[in-house]
N, C-alpha and C. Protein backbone atom coordinates (compact mmCIF):
# COMPACT_ATOMS: atom_id res chain seq x y z
N MET A 1 30.79 6.18 -1.66
CA MET A 1 32.17 6.52 -1.36
C MET A 1 32.71 7.45 -2.43
N LYS A 2 33.23 8.58 -2.01
CA LYS A 2 33.84 9.51 -2.94
C LYS A 2 35.16 8.93 -3.48
N VAL A 3 35.41 9.17 -4.74
CA VAL A 3 36.62 8.68 -5.37
C VAL A 3 37.72 9.73 -5.23
N ASN A 4 38.89 9.31 -4.78
CA ASN A 4 40.06 10.16 -4.74
C ASN A 4 40.78 10.01 -6.07
N ALA A 5 40.66 11.01 -6.92
CA ALA A 5 41.23 10.90 -8.27
C ALA A 5 42.74 10.76 -8.27
N LYS A 6 43.40 11.19 -7.20
CA LYS A 6 44.85 11.06 -7.14
C LYS A 6 45.29 9.60 -7.04
N GLN A 7 44.37 8.72 -6.69
CA GLN A 7 44.70 7.31 -6.58
C GLN A 7 44.45 6.55 -7.88
N MET A 8 43.92 7.24 -8.88
CA MET A 8 43.68 6.62 -10.18
C MET A 8 44.97 6.61 -10.99
N GLU A 9 45.04 5.74 -11.98
CA GLU A 9 46.26 5.57 -12.76
C GLU A 9 46.01 5.82 -14.24
N TRP A 10 46.99 6.43 -14.89
CA TRP A 10 46.87 6.76 -16.30
C TRP A 10 47.25 5.57 -17.19
N THR A 11 46.53 5.43 -18.26
CA THR A 11 46.97 4.71 -19.44
C THR A 11 47.09 5.76 -20.54
N ARG A 12 48.31 6.04 -20.97
CA ARG A 12 48.57 7.08 -21.97
C ARG A 12 48.10 8.45 -21.46
N ALA A 13 48.78 8.97 -20.49
CA ALA A 13 48.44 10.30 -19.96
C ALA A 13 48.59 11.37 -21.03
N PRO A 14 47.69 12.36 -21.07
CA PRO A 14 47.86 13.47 -22.02
C PRO A 14 49.01 14.37 -21.56
N LYS A 15 49.45 15.23 -22.45
CA LYS A 15 50.55 16.13 -22.11
C LYS A 15 50.11 17.17 -21.09
N GLN A 16 48.84 17.59 -21.17
CA GLN A 16 48.33 18.61 -20.26
C GLN A 16 47.19 18.04 -19.42
N TYR A 17 47.40 18.01 -18.11
CA TYR A 17 46.32 17.57 -17.22
C TYR A 17 46.59 18.06 -15.80
N THR A 18 45.52 18.12 -15.02
CA THR A 18 45.59 18.45 -13.60
C THR A 18 44.70 17.48 -12.85
N VAL A 19 45.24 16.87 -11.80
CA VAL A 19 44.46 15.94 -10.99
C VAL A 19 44.54 16.34 -9.53
N THR A 20 43.38 16.61 -8.92
CA THR A 20 43.28 16.78 -7.48
C THR A 20 42.42 15.65 -6.94
N GLU A 21 42.19 15.61 -5.66
CA GLU A 21 41.38 14.54 -5.09
C GLU A 21 39.97 14.51 -5.68
N GLU A 22 39.42 15.69 -5.99
CA GLU A 22 38.02 15.77 -6.38
C GLU A 22 37.79 16.21 -7.82
N ARG A 23 38.86 16.45 -8.58
CA ARG A 23 38.67 17.04 -9.91
C ARG A 23 39.80 16.60 -10.85
N VAL A 24 39.41 16.29 -12.08
CA VAL A 24 40.39 15.98 -13.11
C VAL A 24 40.12 16.88 -14.31
N GLU A 25 41.16 17.52 -14.79
CA GLU A 25 41.09 18.28 -16.03
C GLU A 25 42.12 17.69 -17.00
N MET A 26 41.69 17.47 -18.23
CA MET A 26 42.65 17.03 -19.24
C MET A 26 42.39 17.76 -20.54
N VAL A 27 43.46 18.10 -21.23
CA VAL A 27 43.38 18.74 -22.53
C VAL A 27 43.71 17.69 -23.58
N THR A 28 42.78 17.45 -24.47
CA THR A 28 42.98 16.40 -25.47
C THR A 28 44.00 16.82 -26.52
N GLU A 29 44.56 15.82 -27.17
CA GLU A 29 45.50 16.05 -28.25
C GLU A 29 44.88 15.58 -29.57
N PRO A 30 45.25 16.20 -30.68
CA PRO A 30 44.66 15.83 -31.97
C PRO A 30 44.92 14.37 -32.33
N PHE A 31 43.97 13.80 -33.04
CA PHE A 31 44.08 12.44 -33.61
C PHE A 31 44.27 11.38 -32.52
N THR A 32 43.53 11.53 -31.43
CA THR A 32 43.48 10.52 -30.38
C THR A 32 42.07 9.94 -30.33
N ASP A 33 41.99 8.61 -30.19
CA ASP A 33 40.68 7.98 -30.23
C ASP A 33 40.79 6.54 -29.75
N LEU A 34 39.62 5.91 -29.54
CA LEU A 34 39.51 4.48 -29.27
C LEU A 34 38.48 3.91 -30.23
N TRP A 35 38.91 2.97 -31.04
CA TRP A 35 38.00 2.30 -31.98
C TRP A 35 38.70 1.06 -32.52
N GLN A 36 37.91 0.00 -32.74
CA GLN A 36 38.48 -1.23 -33.27
C GLN A 36 37.67 -1.75 -34.47
N ARG A 37 38.30 -1.75 -35.63
CA ARG A 37 37.88 -2.44 -36.84
C ARG A 37 36.51 -2.05 -37.41
N THR A 38 35.41 -2.45 -36.76
CA THR A 38 34.10 -2.54 -37.39
C THR A 38 33.73 -1.35 -38.27
N TYR A 39 33.23 -1.62 -39.44
CA TYR A 39 32.64 -0.67 -40.39
C TYR A 39 33.67 0.28 -41.00
N TYR A 40 34.39 1.01 -40.17
CA TYR A 40 35.33 2.00 -40.71
C TYR A 40 36.63 1.36 -41.19
N HIS A 41 36.89 0.14 -40.77
CA HIS A 41 38.07 -0.60 -41.23
C HIS A 41 39.38 0.06 -40.84
N PHE A 42 39.39 0.72 -39.69
CA PHE A 42 40.64 1.19 -39.12
C PHE A 42 40.61 0.95 -37.61
N ARG A 43 41.77 1.11 -36.99
CA ARG A 43 41.90 0.87 -35.56
C ARG A 43 42.61 2.05 -34.92
N ASN A 44 42.05 2.55 -33.81
CA ASN A 44 42.69 3.61 -33.03
C ASN A 44 42.74 3.18 -31.57
N ASP A 45 43.87 3.36 -30.95
CA ASP A 45 44.04 2.92 -29.56
C ASP A 45 45.04 3.83 -28.85
N ASN A 46 44.77 5.13 -28.88
CA ASN A 46 45.73 6.06 -28.30
C ASN A 46 45.09 7.16 -27.44
N ALA A 47 43.84 7.00 -27.02
CA ALA A 47 43.19 7.99 -26.18
C ALA A 47 43.70 7.90 -24.74
N PRO A 48 43.83 9.02 -24.05
CA PRO A 48 44.22 8.97 -22.63
C PRO A 48 43.08 8.45 -21.77
N VAL A 49 43.43 7.59 -20.82
CA VAL A 49 42.45 6.94 -19.95
C VAL A 49 42.97 7.01 -18.52
N LEU A 50 42.11 7.41 -17.58
CA LEU A 50 42.45 7.48 -16.16
C LEU A 50 41.51 6.56 -15.40
N GLN A 51 42.06 5.53 -14.74
CA GLN A 51 41.21 4.49 -14.18
C GLN A 51 41.63 4.07 -12.77
N MET A 52 40.72 3.33 -12.14
CA MET A 52 40.98 2.64 -10.88
C MET A 52 40.64 1.17 -11.09
N SER A 53 41.06 0.32 -10.15
CA SER A 53 40.82 -1.12 -10.25
C SER A 53 39.95 -1.59 -9.10
N THR A 54 39.17 -2.64 -9.37
CA THR A 54 38.40 -3.27 -8.31
C THR A 54 38.09 -4.72 -8.69
N ASP A 55 37.94 -5.56 -7.67
CA ASP A 55 37.45 -6.91 -7.90
C ASP A 55 36.01 -7.06 -7.41
N GLU A 56 35.40 -5.94 -7.04
CA GLU A 56 33.99 -5.96 -6.63
C GLU A 56 33.11 -6.30 -7.83
N LYS A 57 32.19 -7.24 -7.67
CA LYS A 57 31.37 -7.71 -8.78
C LYS A 57 30.07 -6.92 -8.94
N TYR A 58 29.68 -6.15 -7.92
CA TYR A 58 28.40 -5.44 -7.97
C TYR A 58 28.59 -4.03 -7.40
N PHE A 59 28.59 -3.04 -8.28
CA PHE A 59 28.77 -1.65 -7.85
C PHE A 59 28.35 -0.71 -8.97
N SER A 60 28.27 0.57 -8.63
CA SER A 60 28.04 1.62 -9.62
C SER A 60 29.07 2.74 -9.43
N PHE A 61 29.47 3.33 -10.54
CA PHE A 61 30.41 4.45 -10.55
C PHE A 61 29.76 5.61 -11.27
N VAL A 62 29.74 6.78 -10.63
CA VAL A 62 29.11 7.98 -11.18
C VAL A 62 30.17 9.06 -11.39
N VAL A 63 30.06 9.79 -12.50
CA VAL A 63 30.96 10.91 -12.75
C VAL A 63 30.24 11.97 -13.57
N LYS A 64 30.56 13.22 -13.29
CA LYS A 64 30.08 14.33 -14.10
C LYS A 64 31.21 14.79 -15.01
N THR A 65 30.90 15.01 -16.27
CA THR A 65 31.90 15.54 -17.19
C THR A 65 31.39 16.83 -17.82
N GLU A 66 32.28 17.82 -17.89
CA GLU A 66 32.00 19.09 -18.57
C GLU A 66 33.00 19.21 -19.71
N PHE A 67 32.55 19.76 -20.83
CA PHE A 67 33.38 19.70 -22.03
C PHE A 67 33.11 20.91 -22.92
N ASP A 68 34.19 21.43 -23.49
CA ASP A 68 34.10 22.56 -24.42
C ASP A 68 34.45 22.05 -25.82
N THR A 69 33.66 21.11 -26.30
CA THR A 69 33.94 20.48 -27.59
C THR A 69 33.55 21.38 -28.75
N LYS A 70 34.31 21.28 -29.85
CA LYS A 70 34.09 22.18 -30.98
C LYS A 70 34.22 21.51 -32.34
N VAL A 71 34.86 20.35 -32.40
CA VAL A 71 35.17 19.70 -33.67
C VAL A 71 34.63 18.28 -33.65
N ARG A 72 34.20 17.80 -34.81
CA ARG A 72 33.63 16.47 -34.94
C ARG A 72 34.49 15.42 -34.24
N TYR A 73 33.80 14.58 -33.46
CA TYR A 73 34.38 13.46 -32.72
C TYR A 73 35.10 13.84 -31.44
N ASP A 74 35.16 15.14 -31.09
CA ASP A 74 35.59 15.51 -29.74
C ASP A 74 34.66 14.82 -28.75
N GLN A 75 35.21 14.16 -27.72
CA GLN A 75 34.36 13.36 -26.83
C GLN A 75 34.96 13.21 -25.45
N SER A 76 34.10 13.04 -24.45
CA SER A 76 34.56 12.75 -23.10
C SER A 76 33.49 11.95 -22.38
N GLY A 77 33.94 11.07 -21.46
CA GLY A 77 32.96 10.27 -20.76
C GLY A 77 33.58 9.24 -19.84
N VAL A 78 32.84 8.14 -19.67
CA VAL A 78 33.21 7.07 -18.76
C VAL A 78 33.71 5.87 -19.56
N ILE A 79 34.58 5.06 -18.95
CA ILE A 79 35.18 3.96 -19.69
C ILE A 79 35.54 2.80 -18.77
N MET A 80 35.51 1.61 -19.32
CA MET A 80 36.15 0.43 -18.73
C MET A 80 37.12 -0.08 -19.79
N TYR A 81 38.39 0.19 -19.60
CA TYR A 81 39.41 -0.19 -20.57
C TYR A 81 40.21 -1.35 -20.00
N LEU A 82 40.01 -2.55 -20.54
CA LEU A 82 40.72 -3.74 -20.08
C LEU A 82 42.01 -3.95 -20.86
N ASN A 83 41.91 -3.84 -22.18
CA ASN A 83 43.06 -3.89 -23.07
C ASN A 83 42.58 -3.37 -24.42
N SER A 84 43.45 -3.35 -25.41
CA SER A 84 43.11 -2.71 -26.68
C SER A 84 41.95 -3.37 -27.40
N ASP A 85 41.70 -4.66 -27.14
CA ASP A 85 40.65 -5.39 -27.84
C ASP A 85 39.37 -5.55 -27.03
N ASN A 86 39.36 -5.12 -25.77
CA ASN A 86 38.20 -5.35 -24.90
C ASN A 86 37.98 -4.15 -23.99
N TRP A 87 36.95 -3.40 -24.29
CA TRP A 87 36.63 -2.20 -23.51
C TRP A 87 35.24 -1.71 -23.86
N LEU A 88 34.71 -0.83 -23.01
CA LEU A 88 33.46 -0.14 -23.33
C LEU A 88 33.57 1.30 -22.87
N LYS A 89 32.89 2.17 -23.57
CA LYS A 89 32.90 3.58 -23.23
C LYS A 89 31.54 4.19 -23.51
N ALA A 90 31.23 5.27 -22.80
CA ALA A 90 30.04 6.08 -23.07
C ALA A 90 30.45 7.54 -23.00
N SER A 91 29.95 8.34 -23.93
CA SER A 91 30.42 9.72 -24.01
C SER A 91 29.40 10.62 -24.67
N MET A 92 29.66 11.92 -24.53
CA MET A 92 29.02 12.92 -25.36
C MET A 92 30.03 13.31 -26.43
N GLU A 93 29.63 13.17 -27.69
CA GLU A 93 30.56 13.33 -28.80
C GLU A 93 30.06 14.40 -29.76
N TYR A 94 30.87 15.41 -30.00
CA TYR A 94 30.47 16.52 -30.87
C TYR A 94 30.34 16.07 -32.32
N GLU A 95 29.28 16.51 -32.96
CA GLU A 95 29.09 16.20 -34.37
C GLU A 95 29.15 17.46 -35.23
N ASN A 96 28.34 18.46 -34.91
CA ASN A 96 28.34 19.73 -35.63
C ASN A 96 27.71 20.80 -34.75
N GLU A 97 27.43 21.96 -35.32
CA GLU A 97 26.90 23.06 -34.51
C GLU A 97 25.47 22.83 -34.05
N GLN A 98 24.81 21.83 -34.60
CA GLN A 98 23.43 21.55 -34.23
C GLN A 98 23.28 20.38 -33.25
N ILE A 99 24.06 19.31 -33.45
CA ILE A 99 23.85 18.10 -32.65
C ILE A 99 25.15 17.51 -32.10
N GLN A 100 24.99 16.72 -31.06
CA GLN A 100 26.04 15.86 -30.53
C GLN A 100 25.49 14.44 -30.51
N ARG A 101 26.39 13.47 -30.35
CA ARG A 101 25.98 12.07 -30.21
C ARG A 101 26.19 11.65 -28.75
N LEU A 102 25.11 11.37 -28.07
CA LEU A 102 25.19 10.74 -26.76
C LEU A 102 25.21 9.25 -27.02
N GLY A 103 26.37 8.62 -26.82
CA GLY A 103 26.48 7.26 -27.31
C GLY A 103 27.37 6.37 -26.47
N SER A 104 27.39 5.09 -26.87
CA SER A 104 28.22 4.09 -26.20
C SER A 104 28.84 3.18 -27.24
N VAL A 105 30.03 2.70 -26.93
CA VAL A 105 30.74 1.75 -27.78
C VAL A 105 31.12 0.55 -26.91
N VAL A 106 30.80 -0.63 -27.38
CA VAL A 106 31.22 -1.87 -26.72
C VAL A 106 32.18 -2.59 -27.67
N THR A 107 33.33 -2.93 -27.17
CA THR A 107 34.35 -3.60 -27.97
C THR A 107 34.67 -4.95 -27.33
N ASN A 108 34.33 -6.02 -28.02
CA ASN A 108 34.63 -7.38 -27.60
C ASN A 108 35.51 -8.04 -28.66
N ASN A 109 36.60 -8.66 -28.20
CA ASN A 109 37.46 -9.42 -29.11
C ASN A 109 37.92 -8.61 -30.32
N GLY A 110 38.17 -7.31 -30.10
CA GLY A 110 38.74 -6.49 -31.15
C GLY A 110 37.77 -5.93 -32.16
N TYR A 111 36.45 -5.98 -31.86
CA TYR A 111 35.46 -5.42 -32.76
C TYR A 111 34.53 -4.49 -31.99
N SER A 112 34.41 -3.25 -32.48
CA SER A 112 33.58 -2.24 -31.83
C SER A 112 32.22 -2.12 -32.49
N ASP A 113 31.24 -1.69 -31.68
CA ASP A 113 29.97 -1.23 -32.23
C ASP A 113 29.74 0.19 -31.72
N TRP A 114 28.64 0.79 -32.14
CA TRP A 114 28.35 2.16 -31.69
C TRP A 114 26.84 2.35 -31.69
N ALA A 115 26.30 2.72 -30.53
CA ALA A 115 24.88 3.05 -30.42
C ALA A 115 24.77 4.48 -29.90
N SER A 116 23.92 5.30 -30.54
CA SER A 116 23.87 6.71 -30.15
C SER A 116 22.50 7.31 -30.38
N VAL A 117 22.27 8.45 -29.74
CA VAL A 117 21.08 9.25 -29.96
C VAL A 117 21.53 10.70 -30.08
N ASP A 118 20.85 11.47 -30.91
CA ASP A 118 21.22 12.87 -31.11
C ASP A 118 20.70 13.74 -29.98
N VAL A 119 21.54 14.64 -29.50
CA VAL A 119 21.13 15.65 -28.52
C VAL A 119 21.62 17.00 -29.01
N ASP A 120 21.08 18.06 -28.43
CA ASP A 120 21.41 19.41 -28.87
C ASP A 120 22.88 19.73 -28.59
N ALA A 121 23.50 20.43 -29.52
CA ALA A 121 24.92 20.76 -29.40
C ALA A 121 25.19 21.77 -28.29
N SER A 122 24.17 22.40 -27.76
CA SER A 122 24.37 23.36 -26.68
C SER A 122 24.68 22.70 -25.34
N VAL A 123 24.43 21.40 -25.22
CA VAL A 123 24.71 20.68 -23.97
C VAL A 123 26.23 20.63 -23.74
N LYS A 124 26.66 21.07 -22.56
CA LYS A 124 28.09 21.13 -22.28
C LYS A 124 28.48 20.37 -21.01
N SER A 125 27.55 19.61 -20.46
CA SER A 125 27.88 18.76 -19.32
C SER A 125 26.86 17.64 -19.22
N THR A 126 27.29 16.53 -18.63
CA THR A 126 26.38 15.40 -18.39
C THR A 126 26.98 14.50 -17.33
N TRP A 127 26.14 13.70 -16.70
CA TRP A 127 26.58 12.67 -15.76
C TRP A 127 26.47 11.31 -16.43
N PHE A 128 27.41 10.43 -16.10
CA PHE A 128 27.33 9.04 -16.52
C PHE A 128 27.36 8.14 -15.28
N ARG A 129 26.64 7.02 -15.38
CA ARG A 129 26.71 6.00 -14.34
C ARG A 129 27.02 4.66 -14.98
N PHE A 130 28.10 4.05 -14.51
CA PHE A 130 28.59 2.77 -14.99
C PHE A 130 28.36 1.74 -13.89
N SER A 131 27.63 0.66 -14.21
CA SER A 131 27.31 -0.35 -13.20
C SER A 131 27.76 -1.73 -13.65
N ARG A 132 28.21 -2.50 -12.68
CA ARG A 132 28.64 -3.88 -12.94
C ARG A 132 27.79 -4.87 -12.16
N ARG A 133 27.36 -5.92 -12.84
CA ARG A 133 26.77 -7.09 -12.20
C ARG A 133 27.50 -8.31 -12.79
N ASP A 134 28.57 -8.72 -12.10
CA ASP A 134 29.42 -9.81 -12.57
C ASP A 134 30.07 -9.41 -13.90
N ASN A 135 29.79 -10.11 -14.99
CA ASN A 135 30.39 -9.77 -16.28
C ASN A 135 29.42 -9.06 -17.21
N ASP A 136 28.35 -8.54 -16.64
CA ASP A 136 27.38 -7.73 -17.39
C ASP A 136 27.44 -6.30 -16.88
N PHE A 137 27.15 -5.37 -17.78
CA PHE A 137 27.36 -3.96 -17.46
C PHE A 137 26.21 -3.10 -17.99
N CYS A 138 25.99 -1.99 -17.29
CA CYS A 138 24.93 -1.05 -17.68
C CYS A 138 25.52 0.36 -17.67
N ILE A 139 25.20 1.13 -18.71
CA ILE A 139 25.60 2.52 -18.80
C ILE A 139 24.34 3.38 -18.79
N GLU A 140 24.34 4.43 -17.96
CA GLU A 140 23.22 5.37 -17.89
C GLU A 140 23.75 6.79 -17.96
N ASN A 141 22.86 7.73 -18.27
CA ASN A 141 23.24 9.14 -18.26
C ASN A 141 22.18 9.97 -17.56
N SER A 142 22.57 11.18 -17.17
CA SER A 142 21.67 12.06 -16.44
C SER A 142 22.00 13.51 -16.73
N THR A 143 21.00 14.35 -16.71
CA THR A 143 21.23 15.79 -16.87
C THR A 143 21.42 16.50 -15.54
N ASP A 144 21.06 15.84 -14.43
CA ASP A 144 21.12 16.49 -13.13
C ASP A 144 21.87 15.69 -12.06
N GLY A 145 22.36 14.50 -12.40
CA GLY A 145 23.06 13.70 -11.43
C GLY A 145 22.17 12.93 -10.48
N GLN A 146 20.86 13.03 -10.68
CA GLN A 146 19.91 12.37 -9.79
C GLN A 146 19.04 11.37 -10.54
N ASN A 147 18.55 11.78 -11.68
CA ASN A 147 17.64 10.95 -12.47
C ASN A 147 18.37 10.41 -13.70
N PHE A 148 18.62 9.11 -13.70
CA PHE A 148 19.42 8.49 -14.75
C PHE A 148 18.54 7.71 -15.72
N LYS A 149 18.96 7.74 -16.99
CA LYS A 149 18.26 7.02 -18.05
C LYS A 149 19.21 5.98 -18.66
N GLN A 150 18.68 4.81 -18.89
CA GLN A 150 19.49 3.72 -19.44
C GLN A 150 19.92 4.01 -20.87
N MET A 151 21.19 3.78 -21.15
CA MET A 151 21.74 3.89 -22.49
C MET A 151 22.06 2.53 -23.09
N ARG A 152 22.56 1.62 -22.24
CA ARG A 152 23.14 0.40 -22.80
C ARG A 152 23.26 -0.68 -21.73
N VAL A 153 22.90 -1.90 -22.06
CA VAL A 153 23.20 -3.08 -21.26
C VAL A 153 24.01 -4.02 -22.15
N CYS A 154 25.09 -4.57 -21.62
CA CYS A 154 25.94 -5.42 -22.46
C CYS A 154 26.67 -6.45 -21.63
N HIS A 155 27.20 -7.43 -22.32
CA HIS A 155 28.05 -8.46 -21.72
C HIS A 155 29.45 -8.32 -22.29
N MET A 156 30.44 -8.49 -21.43
CA MET A 156 31.83 -8.50 -21.87
C MET A 156 32.38 -9.91 -21.74
N PHE A 157 33.01 -10.40 -22.80
CA PHE A 157 33.39 -11.80 -22.88
C PHE A 157 34.75 -12.12 -22.26
N ASN A 158 35.57 -11.10 -22.05
CA ASN A 158 36.94 -11.35 -21.58
C ASN A 158 37.23 -10.57 -20.30
N VAL A 159 36.32 -10.68 -19.34
CA VAL A 159 36.44 -9.96 -18.09
C VAL A 159 36.97 -10.90 -17.01
N GLU A 160 38.00 -10.48 -16.31
CA GLU A 160 38.48 -11.22 -15.15
C GLU A 160 37.84 -10.63 -13.90
N ASP A 161 38.14 -11.21 -12.75
CA ASP A 161 37.53 -10.71 -11.51
C ASP A 161 37.84 -9.24 -11.29
N THR A 162 39.09 -8.85 -11.54
CA THR A 162 39.49 -7.46 -11.36
C THR A 162 39.36 -6.71 -12.68
N ILE A 163 38.69 -5.56 -12.62
CA ILE A 163 38.53 -4.72 -13.80
C ILE A 163 39.12 -3.33 -13.53
N GLN A 164 39.33 -2.59 -14.60
CA GLN A 164 39.77 -1.21 -14.52
C GLN A 164 38.69 -0.33 -15.16
N PHE A 165 38.36 0.78 -14.53
CA PHE A 165 37.31 1.65 -15.05
C PHE A 165 37.59 3.08 -14.60
N GLY A 166 37.02 4.04 -15.35
CA GLY A 166 37.24 5.43 -14.98
C GLY A 166 36.75 6.38 -16.04
N ILE A 167 37.64 7.27 -16.52
CA ILE A 167 37.26 8.37 -17.39
C ILE A 167 38.23 8.48 -18.56
N TYR A 168 37.77 9.16 -19.61
CA TYR A 168 38.64 9.39 -20.77
C TYR A 168 38.13 10.59 -21.53
N ALA A 169 38.97 11.14 -22.39
CA ALA A 169 38.58 12.19 -23.34
C ALA A 169 39.55 12.12 -24.51
N CYS A 170 39.06 12.49 -25.70
CA CYS A 170 39.94 12.43 -26.87
C CYS A 170 39.37 13.28 -28.01
N SER A 171 40.21 13.52 -29.01
CA SER A 171 39.83 14.29 -30.20
C SER A 171 40.31 13.52 -31.42
N ALA A 172 39.39 12.87 -32.10
CA ALA A 172 39.77 11.98 -33.19
C ALA A 172 40.27 12.72 -34.43
N GLU A 173 39.88 13.96 -34.59
CA GLU A 173 40.36 14.75 -35.72
C GLU A 173 41.36 15.80 -35.24
N ASN A 174 41.67 16.78 -36.06
CA ASN A 174 42.69 17.77 -35.72
C ASN A 174 42.11 18.82 -34.80
N SER A 175 42.00 18.44 -33.52
CA SER A 175 41.30 19.27 -32.55
C SER A 175 41.90 19.10 -31.17
N SER A 176 41.51 19.98 -30.25
CA SER A 176 41.91 19.89 -28.86
C SER A 176 40.89 20.64 -28.02
N PHE A 177 40.52 20.09 -26.88
CA PHE A 177 39.58 20.77 -25.98
C PHE A 177 39.86 20.33 -24.55
N LYS A 178 39.30 21.06 -23.58
CA LYS A 178 39.46 20.70 -22.17
C LYS A 178 38.24 19.96 -21.66
N ALA A 179 38.46 18.82 -21.05
CA ALA A 179 37.41 18.04 -20.40
C ALA A 179 37.64 18.09 -18.90
N VAL A 180 36.56 18.27 -18.15
CA VAL A 180 36.63 18.36 -16.69
C VAL A 180 35.74 17.27 -16.09
N PHE A 181 36.26 16.56 -15.10
CA PHE A 181 35.52 15.48 -14.45
C PHE A 181 35.45 15.72 -12.95
N THR A 182 34.24 15.67 -12.40
CA THR A 182 34.02 15.91 -10.97
C THR A 182 32.96 14.94 -10.46
N ASP A 183 32.65 15.05 -9.18
CA ASP A 183 31.55 14.31 -8.56
C ASP A 183 31.69 12.80 -8.76
N MET A 184 32.92 12.31 -8.72
CA MET A 184 33.14 10.88 -8.90
C MET A 184 32.82 10.13 -7.61
N GLU A 185 32.03 9.08 -7.75
CA GLU A 185 31.55 8.37 -6.56
C GLU A 185 31.29 6.90 -6.90
N ILE A 186 31.58 6.02 -5.96
CA ILE A 186 31.24 4.61 -6.08
C ILE A 186 30.16 4.29 -5.06
N THR A 187 29.11 3.60 -5.49
CA THR A 187 27.99 3.27 -4.62
C THR A 187 27.67 1.78 -4.75
N GLU A 188 26.71 1.33 -3.95
CA GLU A 188 26.16 0.01 -4.19
C GLU A 188 25.58 -0.02 -5.59
N CYS A 189 25.40 -1.20 -6.14
CA CYS A 189 24.94 -1.30 -7.52
C CYS A 189 23.53 -0.75 -7.67
N LYS A 190 23.40 0.31 -8.47
CA LYS A 190 22.10 0.92 -8.72
C LYS A 190 21.34 0.24 -9.85
N TRP A 191 22.01 -0.64 -10.55
CA TRP A 191 21.38 -1.43 -11.60
C TRP A 191 20.79 -2.67 -10.92
N LEU A 192 19.50 -2.64 -10.69
CA LEU A 192 18.85 -3.63 -9.86
C LEU A 192 18.70 -4.97 -10.57
N PRO A 193 18.60 -6.07 -9.82
CA PRO A 193 18.40 -7.38 -10.43
C PRO A 193 17.12 -7.41 -11.24
N HIS A 194 17.13 -8.20 -12.30
CA HIS A 194 15.95 -8.36 -13.14
C HIS A 194 14.84 -9.05 -12.36
N ASP A 195 13.61 -8.52 -12.43
CA ASP A 195 12.50 -9.09 -11.66
C ASP A 195 11.41 -9.66 -12.58
N GLY A 196 11.76 -9.98 -13.81
CA GLY A 196 10.79 -10.53 -14.75
C GLY A 196 10.98 -12.02 -14.96
N GLN A 197 11.17 -12.42 -16.19
CA GLN A 197 11.31 -13.83 -16.53
C GLN A 197 12.48 -14.47 -15.78
N ALA A 198 12.25 -15.66 -15.25
CA ALA A 198 13.30 -16.37 -14.53
C ALA A 198 14.40 -16.81 -15.49
N PRO A 199 15.63 -16.95 -14.98
CA PRO A 199 16.72 -17.41 -15.86
C PRO A 199 16.44 -18.81 -16.38
N ASP A 200 16.96 -19.08 -17.59
CA ASP A 200 16.87 -20.43 -18.14
C ASP A 200 17.72 -21.39 -17.32
N GLU A 201 17.28 -22.64 -17.25
CA GLU A 201 18.08 -23.65 -16.58
C GLU A 201 19.24 -24.06 -17.47
N GLU A 202 20.40 -24.22 -16.84
CA GLU A 202 21.58 -24.64 -17.59
C GLU A 202 21.43 -26.10 -18.02
N GLU A 203 21.76 -26.39 -19.26
CA GLU A 203 21.66 -27.77 -19.76
C GLU A 203 22.96 -28.53 -19.50
């Protein structure tokens, strides 16, 4: 099912944006970010987020993002933002003229982590796929929108039946860039059930 972006809702809308049924453009503002506590000992909770809601427990959401990032920590990607202390995101994040960080952040109970891999700074677009299986989640990425590679599997501890998920972009330092989001689609869950070791019996 194609996503109608006009039906999505903003949390902290940026000053400059355009939303049509099939395309979202947003211009980031300086010193906007999402991060909670861990390691850096600061908290940021002011990035613009555009999301939809669902109570479906098993689904996948796909989006393509294009970005003209230029300054460290410029980033755009996919997100599930529940509240300031509980969210997850995956993005392409500019580091320098040589590399970017293709990474994910999981924030539970007000503490963030960060897992990333270096990719060439020449990359200016990528696809993300966000999948839900009850209160567990999988993030994948793709260079062509067809072949996806796993980035992250995680559990969220404070998830209710209804969640909010969608897209975001931000510039953590004194920067601004345009992020474009297209090809948004919801499908059956592409993150297949585990077919290995059986679950442990509950005691």
